[in-house]
Amino acid sequence: RLYSFYEEVYGRSNSKLEKLTIDYFKKLPAIILVFKDDDRELGFVQLKEAGHKLYFLFCGFDEDLNKEYDLYLNMIFHIIKYSIDHGFRLLSLGQTTEDIKSKAGAYEIEKYLYFSSKYKIINFLGNIFIKALSYKKQSQSYRVFKD
């Protein structure tokens, strides 16, 4: 059932890169937190611990349940609580749904990619593709916490 939640989120995604198999979720040494209402499964998040860092990798949920329970936002809050409760110094929430994550206090960290070739045409094409494939910086910024 949890994998079907992942497939549903993947199906709604605007930028489908690669659909992971159920074996990925079974074999990766990661934490899977399941969200329930009594015995009814609502969704899941997959987290990976790496030293003092916690990474939010994937999630899955039913969109109708999301509307009923504010599920995705509650999942984000639970990940933040989990991170604090377990003493992580850094929490990476990933690269999608930036708006809702920034409302929960997250902020973007700019990253850069250097591309170079000895061939001018490859440099030209490479720079076009990098711009086309790069994430666009979120236009709205929220001040959730005071300085």
N, C-alpha and C. Protein backbone atom coordinates (compact mmCIF):
# COMPACT_ATOMS: atom_id res chain seq x y z
N ARG A 1 0.83 -1.21 0.00
CA ARG A 1 0.00 0.00 0.00
C ARG A 1 0.87 1.26 0.00
N LEU A 2 1.95 1.27 0.76
CA LEU A 2 2.81 2.45 0.83
C LEU A 2 3.43 2.75 -0.54
N TYR A 3 3.81 1.71 -1.26
CA TYR A 3 4.40 1.94 -2.58
C TYR A 3 3.37 2.57 -3.52
N SER A 4 2.12 2.21 -3.39
CA SER A 4 1.09 2.83 -4.23
C SER A 4 0.95 4.31 -3.92
N PHE A 5 1.20 4.72 -2.67
CA PHE A 5 1.22 6.14 -2.32
C PHE A 5 2.36 6.84 -3.08
N TYR A 6 3.53 6.21 -3.10
CA TYR A 6 4.67 6.77 -3.84
C TYR A 6 4.33 6.90 -5.32
N GLU A 7 3.72 5.86 -5.90
CA GLU A 7 3.37 5.89 -7.32
C GLU A 7 2.39 7.03 -7.63
N GLU A 8 1.49 7.29 -6.70
CA GLU A 8 0.53 8.36 -6.91
C GLU A 8 1.23 9.73 -6.92
N VAL A 9 2.14 9.95 -5.98
CA VAL A 9 2.90 11.21 -5.95
C VAL A 9 3.74 11.33 -7.22
N TYR A 10 4.39 10.24 -7.60
CA TYR A 10 5.19 10.24 -8.83
C TYR A 10 4.32 10.61 -10.04
N GLY A 11 3.13 10.05 -10.10
CA GLY A 11 2.22 10.32 -11.21
C GLY A 11 1.79 11.78 -11.29
N ARG A 12 1.71 12.46 -10.15
CA ARG A 12 1.32 13.88 -10.12
C ARG A 12 2.49 14.81 -10.39
N SER A 13 3.71 14.30 -10.33
CA SER A 13 4.91 15.13 -10.46
C SER A 13 5.04 15.73 -11.85
N ASN A 14 5.45 17.00 -11.89
CA ASN A 14 5.69 17.68 -13.17
C ASN A 14 7.05 17.32 -13.76
N SER A 15 7.98 16.89 -12.91
CA SER A 15 9.33 16.58 -13.40
C SER A 15 9.70 15.15 -13.02
N LYS A 16 9.24 14.22 -13.83
CA LYS A 16 9.50 12.80 -13.59
C LYS A 16 10.89 12.45 -14.11
N LEU A 17 11.80 12.14 -13.21
CA LEU A 17 13.14 11.77 -13.65
C LEU A 17 13.27 10.26 -13.77
N GLU A 18 12.99 9.57 -12.69
CA GLU A 18 13.11 8.12 -12.69
C GLU A 18 12.13 7.56 -11.67
N LYS A 19 11.37 6.57 -12.07
CA LYS A 19 10.44 5.93 -11.14
C LYS A 19 11.18 4.81 -10.42
N LEU A 20 11.23 4.91 -9.12
CA LEU A 20 11.94 3.91 -8.32
C LEU A 20 11.08 2.66 -8.15
N THR A 21 11.74 1.53 -8.05
CA THR A 21 11.02 0.27 -7.85
C THR A 21 10.75 0.08 -6.37
N ILE A 22 9.87 -0.83 -6.07
CA ILE A 22 9.57 -1.15 -4.68
C ILE A 22 10.80 -1.72 -3.97
N ASP A 23 11.67 -2.39 -4.72
CA ASP A 23 12.91 -2.92 -4.13
C ASP A 23 13.82 -1.82 -3.60
N TYR A 24 13.82 -0.65 -4.26
CA TYR A 24 14.60 0.47 -3.76
C TYR A 24 14.21 0.77 -2.32
N PHE A 25 12.91 0.86 -2.07
CA PHE A 25 12.43 1.21 -0.74
C PHE A 25 12.69 0.09 0.26
N LYS A 26 12.64 -1.14 -0.21
CA LYS A 26 12.88 -2.28 0.68
C LYS A 26 14.35 -2.44 1.05
N LYS A 27 15.25 -2.14 0.10
CA LYS A 27 16.67 -2.42 0.30
C LYS A 27 17.49 -1.26 0.85
N LEU A 28 17.09 -0.02 0.59
CA LEU A 28 17.87 1.11 1.07
C LEU A 28 17.80 1.17 2.60
N PRO A 29 18.94 1.22 3.27
CA PRO A 29 18.91 1.31 4.73
C PRO A 29 18.48 2.72 5.15
N ALA A 30 17.19 2.91 5.20
CA ALA A 30 16.61 4.21 5.53
C ALA A 30 15.44 4.00 6.49
N ILE A 31 14.99 5.09 7.04
CA ILE A 31 13.86 5.06 7.97
C ILE A 31 12.60 5.38 7.18
N ILE A 32 11.57 4.59 7.39
CA ILE A 32 10.27 4.89 6.79
C ILE A 32 9.29 5.10 7.93
N LEU A 33 8.75 6.32 7.98
CA LEU A 33 7.73 6.66 8.97
C LEU A 33 6.37 6.59 8.29
N VAL A 34 5.46 5.87 8.90
CA VAL A 34 4.12 5.69 8.34
C VAL A 34 3.15 6.54 9.13
N PHE A 35 2.31 7.26 8.42
CA PHE A 35 1.30 8.11 9.05
C PHE A 35 -0.05 7.40 8.96
N LYS A 36 -0.72 7.34 10.11
CA LYS A 36 -1.98 6.59 10.19
C LYS A 36 -3.04 7.38 10.92
N ASP A 37 -4.27 7.06 10.64
CA ASP A 37 -5.43 7.50 11.40
C ASP A 37 -6.09 6.22 11.87
N ASP A 38 -5.91 5.90 13.15
CA ASP A 38 -6.26 4.59 13.69
C ASP A 38 -5.46 3.54 12.90
N ASP A 39 -6.12 2.63 12.21
CA ASP A 39 -5.40 1.61 11.44
C ASP A 39 -5.29 1.95 9.95
N ARG A 40 -5.84 3.06 9.55
CA ARG A 40 -5.85 3.47 8.14
C ARG A 40 -4.54 4.18 7.79
N GLU A 41 -3.79 3.62 6.85
CA GLU A 41 -2.54 4.25 6.40
C GLU A 41 -2.87 5.45 5.52
N LEU A 42 -2.23 6.58 5.85
CA LEU A 42 -2.46 7.83 5.13
C LEU A 42 -1.31 8.18 4.19
N GLY A 43 -0.10 7.75 4.57
CA GLY A 43 1.07 8.06 3.77
C GLY A 43 2.33 7.69 4.50
N PHE A 44 3.48 8.03 3.89
CA PHE A 44 4.77 7.72 4.50
C PHE A 44 5.81 8.74 4.07
N VAL A 45 6.89 8.80 4.84
CA VAL A 45 8.08 9.54 4.44
C VAL A 45 9.27 8.61 4.60
N GLN A 46 10.26 8.79 3.74
CA GLN A 46 11.50 8.03 3.83
C GLN A 46 12.62 9.01 4.18
N LEU A 47 13.34 8.69 5.26
CA LEU A 47 14.42 9.55 5.76
C LEU A 47 15.72 8.75 5.78
N LYS A 48 16.82 9.45 5.56
CA LYS A 48 18.14 8.82 5.60
C LYS A 48 19.02 9.61 6.55
N GLU A 49 19.58 8.90 7.53
CA GLU A 49 20.49 9.50 8.48
C GLU A 49 21.91 9.39 7.95
N ALA A 50 22.68 10.47 8.08
CA ALA A 50 24.09 10.48 7.66
C ALA A 50 24.86 11.36 8.64
N GLY A 51 25.36 10.75 9.69
CA GLY A 51 26.07 11.51 10.72
C GLY A 51 25.13 12.48 11.41
N HIS A 52 25.47 13.76 11.38
CA HIS A 52 24.64 14.78 12.03
C HIS A 52 23.57 15.35 11.09
N LYS A 53 23.42 14.74 9.90
CA LYS A 53 22.45 15.22 8.92
C LYS A 53 21.31 14.21 8.74
N LEU A 54 20.12 14.76 8.51
CA LEU A 54 18.95 13.94 8.20
C LEU A 54 18.42 14.41 6.86
N TYR A 55 18.20 13.46 5.94
CA TYR A 55 17.72 13.77 4.61
C TYR A 55 16.31 13.22 4.41
N PHE A 56 15.41 14.08 3.94
CA PHE A 56 14.08 13.68 3.53
C PHE A 56 14.20 13.25 2.07
N LEU A 57 14.01 11.97 1.80
CA LEU A 57 14.22 11.44 0.45
C LEU A 57 12.93 11.41 -0.37
N PHE A 58 11.95 10.67 0.11
CA PHE A 58 10.72 10.49 -0.64
C PHE A 58 9.54 10.42 0.30
N CYS A 59 8.37 10.59 -0.30
CA CYS A 59 7.14 10.42 0.46
C CYS A 59 6.08 9.87 -0.48
N GLY A 60 4.98 9.50 0.11
CA GLY A 60 3.83 9.06 -0.67
C GLY A 60 2.57 9.28 0.13
N PHE A 61 1.51 9.68 -0.55
CA PHE A 61 0.22 9.89 0.10
C PHE A 61 -0.86 10.03 -0.97
N ASP A 62 -2.08 9.87 -0.54
CA ASP A 62 -3.24 10.03 -1.40
C ASP A 62 -3.62 11.51 -1.40
N GLU A 63 -3.79 12.11 -2.57
CA GLU A 63 -4.10 13.54 -2.65
C GLU A 63 -5.40 13.88 -1.93
N ASP A 64 -6.39 13.01 -2.00
CA ASP A 64 -7.65 13.27 -1.29
C ASP A 64 -7.43 13.30 0.22
N LEU A 65 -6.57 12.41 0.71
CA LEU A 65 -6.26 12.40 2.14
C LEU A 65 -5.45 13.64 2.52
N ASN A 66 -4.63 14.12 1.59
CA ASN A 66 -3.87 15.34 1.84
C ASN A 66 -4.81 16.51 2.10
N LYS A 67 -5.85 16.61 1.30
CA LYS A 67 -6.82 17.69 1.47
C LYS A 67 -7.57 17.55 2.79
N GLU A 68 -7.90 16.33 3.16
CA GLU A 68 -8.67 16.08 4.38
C GLU A 68 -7.84 16.31 5.64
N TYR A 69 -6.57 15.93 5.63
CA TYR A 69 -5.74 15.95 6.83
C TYR A 69 -4.62 16.99 6.81
N ASP A 70 -4.52 17.83 5.75
CA ASP A 70 -3.33 18.67 5.57
C ASP A 70 -2.10 17.81 5.74
N LEU A 71 -2.15 16.67 5.11
CA LEU A 71 -1.20 15.59 5.34
C LEU A 71 0.24 15.99 5.03
N TYR A 72 0.48 16.59 3.86
CA TYR A 72 1.86 16.89 3.49
C TYR A 72 2.49 17.88 4.46
N LEU A 73 1.77 18.92 4.82
CA LEU A 73 2.30 19.89 5.78
C LEU A 73 2.56 19.22 7.13
N ASN A 74 1.66 18.38 7.58
CA ASN A 74 1.86 17.66 8.84
C ASN A 74 3.04 16.70 8.76
N MET A 75 3.26 16.10 7.59
CA MET A 75 4.42 15.24 7.41
C MET A 75 5.71 16.05 7.54
N ILE A 76 5.74 17.24 6.94
CA ILE A 76 6.91 18.11 7.04
C ILE A 76 7.16 18.48 8.50
N PHE A 77 6.11 18.86 9.20
CA PHE A 77 6.27 19.21 10.63
C PHE A 77 6.77 18.01 11.43
N HIS A 78 6.29 16.83 11.11
CA HIS A 78 6.74 15.63 11.83
C HIS A 78 8.22 15.34 11.53
N ILE A 79 8.64 15.55 10.30
CA ILE A 79 10.06 15.35 9.95
C ILE A 79 10.91 16.34 10.75
N ILE A 80 10.47 17.58 10.84
CA ILE A 80 11.20 18.59 11.61
C ILE A 80 11.28 18.16 13.08
N LYS A 81 10.17 17.71 13.63
CA LYS A 81 10.15 17.25 15.03
C LYS A 81 11.08 16.05 15.22
N TYR A 82 11.03 15.12 14.29
CA TYR A 82 11.90 13.94 14.35
C TYR A 82 13.36 14.37 14.36
N SER A 83 13.69 15.32 13.49
CA SER A 83 15.06 15.82 13.40
C SER A 83 15.52 16.44 14.72
N ILE A 84 14.68 17.24 15.31
CA ILE A 84 15.01 17.87 16.60
C ILE A 84 15.12 16.83 17.70
N ASP A 85 14.11 15.95 17.79
CA ASP A 85 14.09 14.92 18.84
C ASP A 85 15.30 14.00 18.80
N HIS A 86 15.86 13.78 17.60
CA HIS A 86 16.99 12.88 17.45
C HIS A 86 18.33 13.60 17.35
N GLY A 87 18.33 14.90 17.59
CA GLY A 87 19.57 15.66 17.71
C GLY A 87 20.33 15.93 16.43
N PHE A 88 19.66 15.94 15.31
CA PHE A 88 20.35 16.24 14.05
C PHE A 88 20.64 17.73 13.96
N ARG A 89 21.81 18.07 13.44
CA ARG A 89 22.21 19.47 13.31
C ARG A 89 21.76 20.06 11.97
N LEU A 90 21.50 19.21 10.99
CA LEU A 90 21.09 19.68 9.67
C LEU A 90 19.97 18.79 9.15
N LEU A 91 18.96 19.41 8.60
CA LEU A 91 17.84 18.69 7.99
C LEU A 91 17.71 19.18 6.55
N SER A 92 17.83 18.25 5.61
CA SER A 92 17.65 18.57 4.20
C SER A 92 16.27 18.08 3.78
N LEU A 93 15.43 19.02 3.34
CA LEU A 93 14.07 18.67 2.95
C LEU A 93 13.92 18.42 1.46
N GLY A 94 15.01 18.46 0.72
CA GLY A 94 14.93 18.15 -0.70
C GLY A 94 14.65 19.35 -1.57
N GLN A 95 14.36 19.09 -2.85
CA GLN A 95 14.30 20.15 -3.85
C GLN A 95 12.93 20.40 -4.44
N THR A 96 11.91 19.79 -3.94
CA THR A 96 10.58 20.01 -4.52
C THR A 96 9.66 20.64 -3.49
N THR A 97 8.53 21.11 -3.94
CA THR A 97 7.52 21.77 -3.11
C THR A 97 8.14 22.81 -2.17
N GLU A 98 8.97 23.67 -2.78
CA GLU A 98 9.71 24.66 -2.01
C GLU A 98 8.80 25.57 -1.21
N ASP A 99 7.66 25.96 -1.77
CA ASP A 99 6.78 26.92 -1.12
C ASP A 99 6.30 26.42 0.24
N ILE A 100 5.76 25.23 0.28
CA ILE A 100 5.24 24.72 1.54
C ILE A 100 6.36 24.48 2.56
N LYS A 101 7.51 24.06 2.10
CA LYS A 101 8.65 23.84 3.00
C LYS A 101 9.16 25.16 3.56
N SER A 102 9.16 26.22 2.74
CA SER A 102 9.60 27.52 3.25
C SER A 102 8.61 28.08 4.26
N LYS A 103 7.36 27.73 4.13
CA LYS A 103 6.37 28.15 5.13
C LYS A 103 6.60 27.47 6.47
N ALA A 104 7.31 26.34 6.44
CA ALA A 104 7.64 25.61 7.67
C ALA A 104 9.00 26.03 8.22
N GLY A 105 9.65 27.02 7.58
CA GLY A 105 10.91 27.54 8.08
C GLY A 105 12.13 27.15 7.28
N ALA A 106 11.98 26.36 6.23
CA ALA A 106 13.12 25.96 5.41
C ALA A 106 13.57 27.11 4.53
N TYR A 107 14.80 27.06 4.10
CA TYR A 107 15.30 28.05 3.16
C TYR A 107 16.19 27.34 2.15
N GLU A 108 16.28 27.96 0.98
CA GLU A 108 17.06 27.38 -0.10
C GLU A 108 18.54 27.66 0.08
N ILE A 109 19.34 26.69 -0.26
CA ILE A 109 20.79 26.86 -0.30
C ILE A 109 21.18 26.82 -1.78
N GLU A 110 21.74 27.91 -2.24
CA GLU A 110 22.13 27.97 -3.65
C GLU A 110 23.32 27.05 -3.90
N LYS A 111 23.24 26.34 -5.01
CA LYS A 111 24.32 25.47 -5.44
C LYS A 111 24.66 25.83 -6.87
N TYR A 112 25.90 25.61 -7.23
CA TYR A 112 26.37 25.97 -8.55
C TYR A 112 27.00 24.77 -9.21
N LEU A 113 26.95 24.77 -10.53
CA LEU A 113 27.56 23.72 -11.32
C LEU A 113 28.51 24.37 -12.32
N TYR A 114 29.71 23.88 -12.35
CA TYR A 114 30.70 24.38 -13.30
C TYR A 114 30.78 23.39 -14.46
N PHE A 115 30.67 23.89 -15.65
CA PHE A 115 30.73 23.06 -16.85
C PHE A 115 31.75 23.67 -17.79
N SER A 116 32.65 22.84 -18.30
CA SER A 116 33.67 23.36 -19.22
C SER A 116 34.12 22.26 -20.18
N SER A 117 34.38 22.67 -21.38
CA SER A 117 34.90 21.75 -22.39
C SER A 117 35.89 22.53 -23.25
N LYS A 118 36.81 21.82 -23.87
CA LYS A 118 37.75 22.49 -24.76
C LYS A 118 37.09 22.84 -26.09
N TYR A 119 35.88 22.31 -26.34
CA TYR A 119 35.16 22.58 -27.58
C TYR A 119 34.10 23.65 -27.33
N LYS A 120 34.15 24.72 -28.12
CA LYS A 120 33.23 25.85 -27.93
C LYS A 120 31.77 25.45 -28.10
N ILE A 121 31.48 24.62 -29.06
CA ILE A 121 30.09 24.22 -29.29
C ILE A 121 29.54 23.43 -28.11
N ILE A 122 30.36 22.59 -27.51
CA ILE A 122 29.92 21.82 -26.33
C ILE A 122 29.70 22.77 -25.15
N ASN A 123 30.57 23.75 -24.98
CA ASN A 123 30.37 24.76 -23.93
C ASN A 123 29.05 25.49 -24.13
N PHE A 124 28.79 25.90 -25.38
CA PHE A 124 27.57 26.63 -25.70
C PHE A 124 26.34 25.77 -25.39
N LEU A 125 26.31 24.54 -25.89
CA LEU A 125 25.17 23.65 -25.66
C LEU A 125 25.04 23.28 -24.19
N GLY A 126 26.17 23.03 -23.54
CA GLY A 126 26.14 22.69 -22.12
C GLY A 126 25.52 23.78 -21.28
N ASN A 127 25.87 25.02 -21.56
CA ASN A 127 25.30 26.14 -20.80
C ASN A 127 23.80 26.30 -21.07
N ILE A 128 23.36 26.02 -22.26
CA ILE A 128 21.92 26.07 -22.56
C ILE A 128 21.19 24.99 -21.76
N PHE A 129 21.72 23.77 -21.78
CA PHE A 129 21.07 22.68 -21.07
C PHE A 129 21.09 22.88 -19.56
N ILE A 130 22.18 23.40 -19.03
CA ILE A 130 22.25 23.64 -17.58
C ILE A 130 21.17 24.63 -17.17
N LYS A 131 21.00 25.69 -17.93
CA LYS A 131 19.96 26.69 -17.59
C LYS A 131 18.57 26.09 -17.71
N ALA A 132 18.36 25.26 -18.70
CA ALA A 132 17.04 24.66 -18.90
C ALA A 132 16.70 23.64 -17.81
N LEU A 133 17.71 22.92 -17.33
CA LEU A 133 17.47 21.86 -16.34
C LEU A 133 17.58 22.33 -14.89
N SER A 134 18.10 23.52 -14.68
CA SER A 134 18.31 24.01 -13.32
C SER A 134 16.99 24.40 -12.67
N TYR A 135 16.96 24.24 -11.34
CA TYR A 135 15.81 24.70 -10.58
C TYR A 135 15.78 26.22 -10.61
N LYS A 136 14.60 26.75 -10.70
CA LYS A 136 14.43 28.19 -10.65
C LYS A 136 14.26 28.60 -9.18
N LYS A 137 14.92 29.66 -8.80
CA LYS A 137 14.83 30.14 -7.43
C LYS A 137 13.39 30.54 -7.13
N GLN A 138 12.94 30.17 -5.94
CA GLN A 138 11.59 30.49 -5.53
C GLN A 138 11.43 31.99 -5.42
N SER A 139 10.34 32.51 -5.93
CA SER A 139 10.14 33.96 -5.93
C SER A 139 9.67 34.46 -4.57
N GLN A 140 8.89 33.68 -3.86
CA GLN A 140 8.35 34.09 -2.57
C GLN A 140 9.24 33.58 -1.45
N SER A 141 9.54 34.45 -0.51
CA SER A 141 10.33 34.06 0.66
C SER A 141 9.53 34.41 1.90
N TYR A 142 9.50 33.51 2.86
CA TYR A 142 8.73 33.72 4.08
C TYR A 142 9.68 33.87 5.26
N ARG A 143 9.37 34.77 6.16
CA ARG A 143 10.16 34.94 7.39
C ARG A 143 9.39 34.27 8.51
N VAL A 144 9.61 32.99 8.67
CA VAL A 144 8.88 32.21 9.66
C VAL A 144 9.43 32.47 11.04
N PHE A 145 10.76 32.57 11.14
CA PHE A 145 11.43 32.79 12.42
C PHE A 145 12.09 34.15 12.42
N LYS A 146 12.04 34.82 13.56
CA LYS A 146 12.71 36.11 13.68
C LYS A 146 14.21 35.89 13.83
N ASP A 147 15.00 36.84 13.37
CA ASP A 147 16.45 36.76 13.52
C ASP A 147 16.83 36.97 14.97
